Amino acid sequence: MRALIIEDNENNMELITFILEKNGYKTICAETGGKGVDMAVQLNPDFILLDIQLPDISGTKVLSILKNSQTTNKIPVIAVTSYAMAGDRQRLLKAGCDGYIEKPIDPMQFIGQIKKVLGECL
């Protein structure tokens, strides 16, 4: 399976990439929302891990673009975000995210969280 990681923080990107690759996933990385949208359309990943706070366009805007495109609307999108206020999880799920993982991520639980969401989506 191939994951597109849309994440602007280099340390988070490295950690997520390391965990995924260690568990047999292939990874594609995008540091901005715009680049992430382009890569999703061109490369059709199996799932997307999406940061919500991005430098160019917000993760919620990226999510909207992806879910409103016939090319990408079936790709599961999992928010991986430090947005952890009351209601944020529900707001993002209602906006179209298929799953929600809070930062800082727990490396021991991360793959299990992803597999759970993907199992529900596939």
C-alpha atoms as a PDB file:
ATOM      1  CA  MET A   1       0.000   0.000   0.000  1.00  0.00           C
ATOM      2  CA  ARG A   2       1.119   3.504  -0.762  1.00  0.00           C
ATOM      3  CA  ALA A   3       0.526   6.464   1.549  1.00  0.00           C
ATOM      4  CA  LEU A   4       0.649  10.149   0.657  1.00  0.00           C
ATOM      5  CA  ILE A   5       1.783  12.154   3.673  1.00  0.00           C
ATOM      6  CA  ILE A   6       0.872  15.856   3.533  1.00  0.00           C
ATOM      7  CA  GLU A   7       2.861  17.383   6.401  1.00  0.00           C
ATOM      8  CA  ASP A   8       4.894  20.598   6.648  1.00  0.00           C
ATOM      9  CA  ASN A   9       6.864  19.748   9.802  1.00  0.00           C
ATOM     10  CA  GLU A  10      10.070  17.968   8.831  1.00  0.00           C
ATOM     11  CA  ASN A  11      10.373  16.039  12.115  1.00  0.00           C
ATOM     12  CA  ASN A  12       6.785  14.791  11.902  1.00  0.00           C
ATOM     13  CA  MET A  13       7.299  13.848   8.255  1.00  0.00           C
ATOM     14  CA  GLU A  14      10.422  11.839   9.110  1.00  0.00           C
ATOM     15  CA  LEU A  15       8.754  10.032  12.004  1.00  0.00           C
ATOM     16  CA  ILE A  16       5.578   9.170  10.055  1.00  0.00           C
ATOM     17  CA  THR A  17       7.597   8.055   7.014  1.00  0.00           C
ATOM     18  CA  PHE A  18       9.868   5.907   9.183  1.00  0.00           C
ATOM     19  CA  ILE A  19       6.966   4.181  10.964  1.00  0.00           C
ATOM     20  CA  LEU A  20       5.077   3.513   7.727  1.00  0.00           C
ATOM     21  CA  GLU A  21       8.094   2.212   5.807  1.00  0.00           C
ATOM     22  CA  LYS A  22       9.160   0.032   8.751  1.00  0.00           C
ATOM     23  CA  ASN A  23       5.706  -1.568   8.515  1.00  0.00           C
ATOM     24  CA  GLY A  24       5.887  -2.244   4.787  1.00  0.00           C
ATOM     25  CA  TYR A  25       4.107   0.805   3.384  1.00  0.00           C
ATOM     26  CA  LYS A  26       5.478   2.878   0.510  1.00  0.00           C
ATOM     27  CA  THR A  27       5.393   6.627   1.112  1.00  0.00           C
ATOM     28  CA  ILE A  28       5.053   9.785  -0.958  1.00  0.00           C
ATOM     29  CA  CYS A  29       5.663  13.109   0.765  1.00  0.00           C
ATOM     30  CA  ALA A  30       4.251  16.584   0.198  1.00  0.00           C
ATOM     31  CA  GLU A  31       5.215  19.584   2.335  1.00  0.00           C
ATOM     32  CA  THR A  32       2.313  21.810   1.249  1.00  0.00           C
ATOM     33  CA  GLY A  33      -1.389  21.379   0.642  1.00  0.00           C
ATOM     34  CA  GLY A  34      -1.134  22.400  -3.003  1.00  0.00           C
ATOM     35  CA  LYS A  35       1.617  19.897  -3.693  1.00  0.00           C
ATOM     36  CA  GLY A  36      -0.367  17.245  -1.823  1.00  0.00           C
ATOM     37  CA  VAL A  37      -3.456  17.791  -3.981  1.00  0.00           C
ATOM     38  CA  ASP A  38      -1.355  17.600  -7.155  1.00  0.00           C
ATOM     39  CA  MET A  39       0.346  14.403  -6.005  1.00  0.00           C
ATOM     40  CA  ALA A  40      -2.959  12.804  -4.985  1.00  0.00           C
ATOM     41  CA  VAL A  41      -4.394  13.446  -8.458  1.00  0.00           C
ATOM     42  CA  GLN A  42      -1.273  12.282 -10.310  1.00  0.00           C
ATOM     43  CA  LEU A  43      -0.242   9.299  -8.170  1.00  0.00           C
ATOM     44  CA  ASN A  44      -3.543   7.965  -6.773  1.00  0.00           C
ATOM     45  CA  PRO A  45      -2.256   6.776  -3.359  1.00  0.00           C
ATOM     46  CA  ASP A  46      -4.098   4.126  -1.352  1.00  0.00           C
ATOM     47  CA  PHE A  47      -4.622   6.568   1.520  1.00  0.00           C
ATOM     48  CA  ILE A  48      -3.638  10.065   2.635  1.00  0.00           C
ATOM     49  CA  LEU A  49      -2.347  11.272   6.003  1.00  0.00           C
ATOM     50  CA  LEU A  50      -3.233  14.963   6.183  1.00  0.00           C
ATOM     51  CA  ASP A  51      -1.951  17.626   8.545  1.00  0.00           C
ATOM     52  CA  ILE A  52      -4.569  20.330   9.052  1.00  0.00           C
ATOM     53  CA  GLN A  53      -2.221  23.275   9.653  1.00  0.00           C
ATOM     54  CA  LEU A  54      -0.301  23.753   6.406  1.00  0.00           C
ATOM     55  CA  PRO A  55       1.671  26.776   5.180  1.00  0.00           C
ATOM     56  CA  ASP A  56      -0.188  27.457   1.923  1.00  0.00           C
ATOM     57  CA  ILE A  57      -3.771  26.254   2.156  1.00  0.00           C
ATOM     58  CA  SER A  58      -5.467  24.716   5.171  1.00  0.00           C
ATOM     59  CA  GLY A  59      -5.862  20.990   5.528  1.00  0.00           C
ATOM     60  CA  THR A  60      -9.629  21.437   5.579  1.00  0.00           C
ATOM     61  CA  LYS A  61      -9.418  23.126   2.160  1.00  0.00           C
ATOM     62  CA  VAL A  62      -7.191  20.278   0.883  1.00  0.00           C
ATOM     63  CA  LEU A  63      -9.765  17.814   2.215  1.00  0.00           C
ATOM     64  CA  SER A  64     -12.572  19.664   0.448  1.00  0.00           C
ATOM     65  CA  ILE A  65     -10.684  19.667  -2.868  1.00  0.00           C
ATOM     66  CA  LEU A  66      -9.885  15.946  -2.579  1.00  0.00           C
ATOM     67  CA  LYS A  67     -13.406  14.903  -1.601  1.00  0.00           C
ATOM     68  CA  ASN A  68     -14.992  17.009  -4.366  1.00  0.00           C
ATOM     69  CA  SER A  69     -12.816  15.575  -7.144  1.00  0.00           C
ATOM     70  CA  GLN A  70     -13.907  12.441  -8.999  1.00  0.00           C
ATOM     71  CA  THR A  71     -10.244  11.479  -9.253  1.00  0.00           C
ATOM     72  CA  THR A  72      -9.565  11.504  -5.504  1.00  0.00           C
ATOM     73  CA  ASN A  73     -12.905  11.350  -3.677  1.00  0.00           C
ATOM     74  CA  LYS A  74     -12.621   7.618  -2.887  1.00  0.00           C
ATOM     75  CA  ILE A  75      -9.143   7.848  -1.326  1.00  0.00           C
ATOM     76  CA  PRO A  76      -9.358   7.509   2.483  1.00  0.00           C
ATOM     77  CA  VAL A  77      -8.045  10.634   4.239  1.00  0.00           C
ATOM     78  CA  ILE A  78      -6.845  10.462   7.832  1.00  0.00           C
ATOM     79  CA  ALA A  79      -6.282  13.742   9.657  1.00  0.00           C
ATOM     80  CA  VAL A  80      -3.056  13.677  11.660  1.00  0.00           C
ATOM     81  CA  THR A  81      -3.241  16.879  13.626  1.00  0.00           C
ATOM     82  CA  SER A  82      -2.540  18.745  16.814  1.00  0.00           C
ATOM     83  CA  TYR A  83      -6.100  20.117  16.625  1.00  0.00           C
ATOM     84  CA  ALA A  84      -7.361  18.514  19.801  1.00  0.00           C
ATOM     85  CA  MET A  85      -9.962  20.945  21.088  1.00  0.00           C
ATOM     86  CA  ALA A  86     -13.437  19.731  21.943  1.00  0.00           C
ATOM     87  CA  GLY A  87     -15.335  19.193  18.733  1.00  0.00           C
ATOM     88  CA  ASP A  88     -12.314  19.196  16.374  1.00  0.00           C
ATOM     89  CA  ARG A  89     -12.449  15.448  15.804  1.00  0.00           C
ATOM     90  CA  GLN A  90     -16.168  15.522  14.950  1.00  0.00           C
ATOM     91  CA  ARG A  91     -15.768  18.626  12.781  1.00  0.00           C
ATOM     92  CA  LEU A  92     -13.031  16.992  10.694  1.00  0.00           C
ATOM     93  CA  LEU A  93     -14.892  13.689  10.376  1.00  0.00           C
ATOM     94  CA  LYS A  94     -18.024  15.569   9.334  1.00  0.00           C
ATOM     95  CA  ALA A  95     -15.960  17.524   6.771  1.00  0.00           C
ATOM     96  CA  GLY A  96     -14.970  14.232   5.116  1.00  0.00           C
ATOM     97  CA  CYS A  97     -11.985  12.783   6.958  1.00  0.00           C
ATOM     98  CA  ASP A  98     -12.202   9.024   7.284  1.00  0.00           C
ATOM     99  CA  GLY A  99     -10.150   9.017  10.474  1.00  0.00           C
ATOM    100  CA  TYR A 100      -8.465  11.272  13.009  1.00  0.00           C
ATOM    101  CA  ILE A 101      -5.146  10.782  14.810  1.00  0.00           C
ATOM    102  CA  GLU A 102      -3.934  13.300  17.370  1.00  0.00           C
ATOM    103  CA  LYS A 103      -0.383  14.635  17.495  1.00  0.00           C
ATOM    104  CA  PRO A 104       1.965  13.990  19.024  1.00  0.00           C
ATOM    105  CA  ILE A 105       1.526  10.555  17.523  1.00  0.00           C
ATOM    106  CA  ASP A 106       2.204   7.478  19.613  1.00  0.00           C
ATOM    107  CA  PRO A 107       4.615   5.377  17.496  1.00  0.00           C
ATOM    108  CA  MET A 108       3.444   2.200  19.248  1.00  0.00           C
ATOM    109  CA  GLN A 109      -0.212   2.767  18.329  1.00  0.00           C
ATOM    110  CA  PHE A 110       0.096   4.664  15.032  1.00  0.00           C
ATOM    111  CA  ILE A 111      -0.015   1.709  12.599  1.00  0.00           C
ATOM    112  CA  GLY A 112      -2.901   0.141  14.506  1.00  0.00           C
ATOM    113  CA  GLN A 113      -4.832   3.412  14.280  1.00  0.00           C
ATOM    114  CA  ILE A 114      -4.230   3.605  10.523  1.00  0.00           C
ATOM    115  CA  LYS A 115      -5.176  -0.042   9.952  1.00  0.00           C
ATOM    116  CA  LYS A 116      -8.383   0.423  11.913  1.00  0.00           C
ATOM    117  CA  VAL A 117      -9.442   3.359   9.744  1.00  0.00           C
ATOM    118  CA  LEU A 118      -8.449   1.633   6.504  1.00  0.00           C
ATOM    119  CA  GLY A 119     -10.286  -1.533   7.533  1.00  0.00           C
ATOM    120  CA  GLU A 120     -13.441   0.529   7.949  1.00  0.00           C
ATOM    121  CA  CYS A 121     -12.900   2.240   4.575  1.00  0.00           C
ATOM    122  CA  LEU A 122     -12.028  -0.725   2.371  1.00  0.00           C
END
